[in-house]
N, C-alpha and C. Protein backbone atom coordinates (compact mmCIF):
# COMPACT_ATOMS: atom_id res chain seq x y z
N MET A 1 0.99 -1.48 -0.20
CA MET A 1 0.21 0.15 0.16
C MET A 1 0.86 1.12 -0.11
N ARG A 2 0.63 2.26 -0.92
CA ARG A 2 1.46 3.59 -0.50
C ARG A 2 0.75 4.41 -0.73
N VAL A 3 0.47 5.50 -0.05
CA VAL A 3 -0.61 6.15 0.31
C VAL A 3 0.29 7.49 0.95
N THR A 4 -0.06 8.48 0.33
CA THR A 4 -0.16 10.12 1.04
C THR A 4 -1.29 11.08 1.38
N VAL A 5 -1.14 11.66 2.36
CA VAL A 5 -2.89 12.32 2.54
C VAL A 5 -2.14 13.14 3.28
N ASP A 6 -2.67 14.40 2.66
CA ASP A 6 -2.86 16.04 2.98
C ASP A 6 -4.35 16.63 3.45
N GLY A 7 -4.10 18.01 4.07
CA GLY A 7 -4.96 18.43 4.64
C GLY A 7 -5.48 18.10 5.97
N LYS A 8 -6.31 17.73 6.04
CA LYS A 8 -6.94 17.75 8.11
C LYS A 8 -8.04 16.74 7.65
N ILE A 9 -8.06 16.01 8.82
CA ILE A 9 -8.61 14.68 9.17
C ILE A 9 -9.01 14.82 10.69
N LYS A 10 -10.28 15.29 10.90
CA LYS A 10 -10.99 15.66 12.23
C LYS A 10 -12.00 14.35 12.41
N SER A 11 -11.84 13.60 13.47
CA SER A 11 -12.62 13.01 14.11
C SER A 11 -14.09 13.34 14.78
N VAL A 12 -15.38 13.13 14.65
CA VAL A 12 -16.32 13.95 15.53
C VAL A 12 -17.20 12.88 16.29
N ASN A 13 -17.43 11.85 15.77
CA ASN A 13 -18.19 11.01 16.20
C ASN A 13 -17.54 9.64 16.60
N THR A 14 -16.39 9.59 16.72
CA THR A 14 -15.69 8.12 16.92
C THR A 14 -14.68 7.90 17.99
N ASN A 15 -13.92 7.38 18.72
CA ASN A 15 -12.87 7.39 19.37
C ASN A 15 -11.51 7.61 18.76
N TYR A 16 -11.58 6.19 17.60
CA TYR A 16 -10.01 6.68 17.15
C TYR A 16 -10.13 7.29 15.45
N CYS A 17 -9.10 7.91 15.29
CA CYS A 17 -8.68 8.48 14.05
C CYS A 17 -7.35 8.57 13.87
N ALA A 18 -6.95 8.66 12.56
CA ALA A 18 -5.89 8.73 12.03
C ALA A 18 -5.78 8.75 10.89
N GLY A 19 -4.47 9.16 10.34
CA GLY A 19 -3.41 9.75 8.95
C GLY A 19 -4.54 8.59 7.94
N ILE A 20 -3.73 7.51 8.19
CA ILE A 20 -4.03 5.75 6.95
C ILE A 20 -5.14 5.60 7.41
N ALA A 21 -5.18 5.00 8.38
CA ALA A 21 -6.40 4.23 9.16
C ALA A 21 -6.87 3.90 10.51
N SER A 22 -7.54 3.52 10.70
CA SER A 22 -8.18 4.04 11.95
C SER A 22 -8.25 2.81 12.56
N ARG A 23 -7.88 1.50 11.88
CA ARG A 23 -7.50 0.54 12.30
C ARG A 23 -6.85 -0.57 11.45
N SER A 24 -6.05 -1.44 11.89
CA SER A 24 -5.21 -2.49 10.75
C SER A 24 -5.58 -3.86 11.38
N TYR A 25 -5.84 -4.82 10.95
CA TYR A 25 -6.08 -6.08 11.61
C TYR A 25 -4.44 -6.78 11.40
N THR A 26 -4.85 -7.70 12.37
CA THR A 26 -3.65 -8.86 12.79
C THR A 26 -3.45 -9.69 11.15
N GLY A 27 -2.19 -9.41 10.72
CA GLY A 27 -1.90 -10.11 9.91
C GLY A 27 -1.84 -9.15 8.41
N SER A 28 -2.26 -7.53 8.57
CA SER A 28 -2.27 -6.62 7.76
C SER A 28 -0.74 -6.22 7.71
N VAL A 29 -0.43 -5.32 6.57
CA VAL A 29 1.09 -4.67 6.64
C VAL A 29 0.46 -3.10 5.91
N ILE A 30 1.18 -2.44 6.73
CA ILE A 30 1.07 -0.97 6.18
C ILE A 30 2.26 -0.52 5.86
N SER A 31 2.54 -0.06 4.79
CA SER A 31 4.06 0.36 4.09
C SER A 31 3.85 1.53 3.30
N TYR A 32 5.03 1.78 3.45
CA TYR A 32 5.66 3.34 2.33
C TYR A 32 3.85 4.28 2.24
N CYS A 33 3.72 4.80 3.64
CA CYS A 33 2.79 5.89 3.47
C CYS A 33 2.92 6.87 4.45
N VAL A 34 2.35 8.25 4.13
CA VAL A 34 2.91 9.30 4.43
C VAL A 34 1.93 10.20 4.56
N ASN A 35 2.26 10.86 5.94
CA ASN A 35 0.58 11.75 6.35
C ASN A 35 1.39 12.86 6.67
N ASN A 36 0.55 13.78 5.75
CA ASN A 36 0.76 15.57 5.82
C ASN A 36 -0.25 16.19 6.85
N ALA A 37 -1.17 15.63 6.71
CA ALA A 37 -2.57 15.80 7.71
C ALA A 37 -2.52 16.04 8.83
N THR A 38 -3.21 16.95 9.57
CA THR A 38 -3.13 17.03 11.02
C THR A 38 -4.49 16.58 11.57
N VAL A 39 -4.26 15.50 12.20
CA VAL A 39 -5.08 14.55 12.62
C VAL A 39 -6.00 15.37 14.31
N ARG A 40 -6.99 15.49 14.05
CA ARG A 40 -7.42 15.91 15.81
C ARG A 40 -8.46 14.78 16.03
N GLY A 41 -8.73 14.31 17.17
CA GLY A 41 -9.66 13.71 17.55
C GLY A 41 -9.71 13.21 18.49
N ALA A 42 -10.28 12.48 19.22
CA ALA A 42 -10.15 11.90 21.15
C ALA A 42 -9.19 10.99 21.26
N ALA A 43 -8.71 10.24 20.58
CA ALA A 43 -7.66 9.13 20.47
C ALA A 43 -6.97 9.39 19.18
N ALA A 44 -6.12 9.98 19.15
CA ALA A 44 -5.68 10.68 17.35
C ALA A 44 -4.14 10.16 17.42
N GLY A 45 -3.83 9.04 16.26
CA GLY A 45 -2.78 8.70 15.80
C GLY A 45 -2.30 9.60 14.58
N GLY A 46 -0.80 9.77 14.06
CA GLY A 46 -0.07 10.32 12.87
C GLY A 46 -0.14 9.43 11.91
N LEU A 47 -0.39 8.09 12.22
CA LEU A 47 -0.58 6.64 11.08
C LEU A 47 -1.86 6.05 10.58
N VAL A 48 -1.50 5.59 12.06
CA VAL A 48 -2.81 4.24 12.74
C VAL A 48 -3.18 4.87 14.17
N ALA A 49 -4.44 4.55 14.24
CA ALA A 49 -5.25 4.76 15.51
C ALA A 49 -4.93 3.52 16.35
N GLU A 50 -5.41 1.97 15.65
CA GLU A 50 -5.28 0.64 16.80
C GLU A 50 -4.64 0.05 15.55
N LEU A 51 -3.45 -0.24 16.09
CA LEU A 51 -2.41 -1.38 15.10
C LEU A 51 -2.57 -2.97 15.80
N ASN A 52 -2.83 -3.44 14.70
CA ASN A 52 -2.91 -4.89 15.57
C ASN A 52 -1.98 -5.03 13.87
N GLY A 53 -1.35 -4.89 13.31
CA GLY A 53 -0.51 -5.41 12.16
C GLY A 53 1.03 -5.28 12.00
N GLN A 54 1.18 -4.86 11.00
CA GLN A 54 2.73 -4.19 10.64
C GLN A 54 2.70 -3.12 10.24
N LEU A 55 3.48 -1.79 10.74
CA LEU A 55 3.21 -0.52 9.54
C LEU A 55 4.96 -0.49 9.84
N GLU A 56 5.36 -0.31 8.29
CA GLU A 56 6.75 -0.15 8.10
C GLU A 56 7.16 1.18 7.05
N TYR A 57 8.10 1.17 6.64
CA TYR A 57 8.90 2.35 5.73
C TYR A 57 7.88 3.50 5.74
N SER A 58 7.02 4.13 6.27
CA SER A 58 6.07 4.91 6.91
C SER A 58 6.80 6.32 7.78
N ALA A 59 5.42 7.29 7.03
CA ALA A 59 6.04 8.60 7.98
C ALA A 59 4.89 9.68 8.50
N ASN A 60 4.96 10.32 9.44
CA ASN A 60 4.13 11.30 9.89
C ASN A 60 4.42 12.94 10.05
N TYR A 61 4.26 13.47 9.11
CA TYR A 61 5.00 14.78 9.38
C TYR A 61 3.63 15.63 10.15
N GLY A 62 2.40 15.25 9.87
CA GLY A 62 1.23 16.28 10.27
C GLY A 62 0.92 16.11 12.13
N ASP A 63 0.45 17.27 12.69
CA ASP A 63 0.60 17.35 13.81
C ASP A 63 -0.44 16.64 14.12
N VAL A 64 -0.73 15.95 15.71
CA VAL A 64 -1.28 15.16 16.26
C VAL A 64 -2.08 15.71 17.28
N ILE A 65 -3.24 16.16 17.41
CA ILE A 65 -4.25 16.82 18.66
C ILE A 65 -5.19 15.75 18.89
N GLY A 66 -4.94 15.15 20.22
CA GLY A 66 -5.97 14.22 20.91
C GLY A 66 -6.32 15.14 22.29
N SER A 67 -7.78 14.90 22.42
CA SER A 67 -8.36 15.61 23.53
C SER A 67 -8.55 14.17 24.83
N SER A 68 -8.18 13.52 24.54
CA SER A 68 -8.42 12.15 25.43
C SER A 68 -6.80 11.24 25.54
N TYR A 69 -6.81 10.36 26.39
CA TYR A 69 -5.69 9.22 26.34
C TYR A 69 -5.68 8.63 24.96
N GLY A 70 -4.14 8.08 24.70
CA GLY A 70 -4.37 7.24 23.25
C GLY A 70 -3.61 8.41 22.78
N ILE A 71 -2.95 9.03 22.65
CA ILE A 71 -2.22 10.03 21.57
C ILE A 71 -0.85 9.47 20.98
N GLY A 72 -0.69 9.17 19.50
CA GLY A 72 0.61 8.82 19.54
C GLY A 72 0.85 9.95 17.88
N GLY A 73 2.46 9.71 17.35
CA GLY A 73 2.68 10.27 16.26
C GLY A 73 2.75 9.24 15.31
N LEU A 74 2.99 7.92 15.88
CA LEU A 74 2.92 6.76 14.55
C LEU A 74 1.44 6.53 14.91
N ALA A 75 1.13 5.65 15.90
CA ALA A 75 -0.08 4.97 16.50
C ALA A 75 -0.47 5.61 17.78
N THR A 76 -1.89 5.06 18.11
CA THR A 76 -2.21 5.61 19.18
C THR A 76 -2.63 4.30 19.93
N VAL A 77 -3.16 3.03 19.33
CA VAL A 77 -3.18 1.80 20.38
C VAL A 77 -1.98 0.63 19.80
N ILE A 78 -0.64 0.48 20.34
CA ILE A 78 -0.38 -1.33 19.82
C ILE A 78 -0.71 -1.96 20.27
N ASN A 79 -1.22 -3.51 19.70
CA ASN A 79 -1.79 -4.39 20.37
C ASN A 79 -0.88 -5.65 20.03
N SER A 80 -0.35 -6.39 20.79
CA SER A 80 0.34 -7.58 20.95
C SER A 80 -0.13 -8.68 21.48
N SER A 81 -0.78 -9.57 20.32
CA SER A 81 -1.15 -10.89 20.71
C SER A 81 -0.86 -11.54 21.95
N SER A 82 0.97 -11.80 21.65
CA SER A 82 1.66 -12.94 22.46
C SER A 82 2.99 -12.14 22.45
N VAL A 83 3.63 -12.39 23.82
CA VAL A 83 5.28 -12.19 23.54
C VAL A 83 5.84 -12.19 22.62
N ASP A 84 5.85 -13.32 21.41
CA ASP A 84 6.21 -13.58 20.59
C ASP A 84 6.08 -12.50 19.49
N SER A 85 6.77 -11.34 19.22
CA SER A 85 6.33 -10.05 18.25
C SER A 85 5.86 -10.76 16.89
N SER A 86 6.33 -11.53 16.40
CA SER A 86 5.78 -12.32 15.32
C SER A 86 4.70 -12.12 15.01
N ASN A 87 3.74 -12.74 16.63
CA ASN A 87 2.43 -12.65 16.07
C ASN A 87 1.62 -11.35 16.66
N GLY A 88 2.12 -10.32 17.24
CA GLY A 88 1.40 -9.05 17.26
C GLY A 88 1.99 -7.74 16.24
N ALA A 89 1.60 -6.77 17.07
CA ALA A 89 2.21 -5.51 15.81
C ALA A 89 3.34 -4.66 16.26
N ASN A 90 3.82 -4.76 15.06
CA ASN A 90 5.45 -4.38 14.55
C ASN A 90 5.65 -2.86 14.30
N ILE A 91 6.08 -1.89 14.31
CA ILE A 91 6.84 -1.05 13.76
C ILE A 91 8.26 -1.23 13.25
N TYR A 92 7.95 -0.70 12.07
CA TYR A 92 9.73 -0.85 11.61
C TYR A 92 10.03 -0.01 10.47
N ASN A 93 11.10 0.66 10.77
CA ASN A 93 11.41 2.05 9.81
C ASN A 93 10.34 2.76 9.24
N CYS A 94 9.95 3.51 10.71
CA CYS A 94 8.86 4.65 10.82
C CYS A 94 9.86 5.62 11.22
N TYR A 95 8.84 6.86 11.02
CA TYR A 95 9.15 7.90 12.48
C TYR A 95 8.38 9.28 12.14
N ASN A 96 8.49 9.84 13.12
CA ASN A 96 6.84 10.88 13.44
C ASN A 96 8.13 12.43 13.35
N ALA A 97 7.63 13.01 12.24
CA ALA A 97 8.40 14.45 12.91
C ALA A 97 7.23 15.64 12.95
N GLY A 98 5.61 15.35 12.86
CA GLY A 98 4.71 16.13 13.53
C GLY A 98 4.60 16.42 14.85
N ASN A 99 3.85 17.58 15.60
CA ASN A 99 4.01 17.80 16.88
C ASN A 99 2.90 16.80 17.48
N VAL A 100 2.64 16.37 18.43
CA VAL A 100 1.78 15.47 19.15
C VAL A 100 1.72 16.30 20.27
N HIS A 101 0.09 16.73 20.50
CA HIS A 101 -0.51 17.79 21.75
C HIS A 101 -1.64 16.60 22.11
N GLY A 102 -1.73 16.72 23.36
CA GLY A 102 -2.79 16.13 24.18
C GLY A 102 -3.46 16.91 25.04
N ALA A 103 -4.68 16.92 25.07
CA ALA A 103 -5.24 17.43 26.37
C ALA A 103 -4.99 17.15 27.98
N LEU A 104 -4.83 16.10 28.29
CA LEU A 104 -4.41 15.43 28.84
C LEU A 104 -3.19 15.38 29.27
N MET A 105 -2.62 15.58 30.82
CA MET A 105 -1.45 15.83 30.99
C MET A 105 -1.18 14.54 32.32
N LEU A 106 -0.20 13.59 32.42
CA LEU A 106 0.04 12.70 33.53
C LEU A 106 1.16 13.52 34.20
N GLU A 107 0.92 12.99 35.33
CA GLU A 107 2.18 13.62 36.20
C GLU A 107 3.12 12.43 36.69
N SER A 108 4.29 12.79 36.59
CA SER A 108 5.51 11.57 37.54
C SER A 108 5.12 11.41 38.66
N THR A 109 5.44 10.19 39.20
CA THR A 109 5.88 10.27 40.66
C THR A 109 7.04 9.89 41.16
């Protein structure tokens, strides 16, 4: 899959939103994708909101603005089905150059 996204993405009625895909499934591969768009939502990810498959050779340049927990430059939630990473979600050779903003801040103890 080779996709480039520009513009603005805003989620109004759902929890997850992202520049490329709101959800990827186990066994799926998202590769060579670029997000330049600003992503705004409750739980926002620059490339993928809920990652269950593989994300590779992709980049996010857009700002990610979230109003809840689970905000990430590359992915919001990264699921792993087991300790063996071959069965879970993986990220290879990707990077984030966008700003990541969240409404909630956690205090360190």
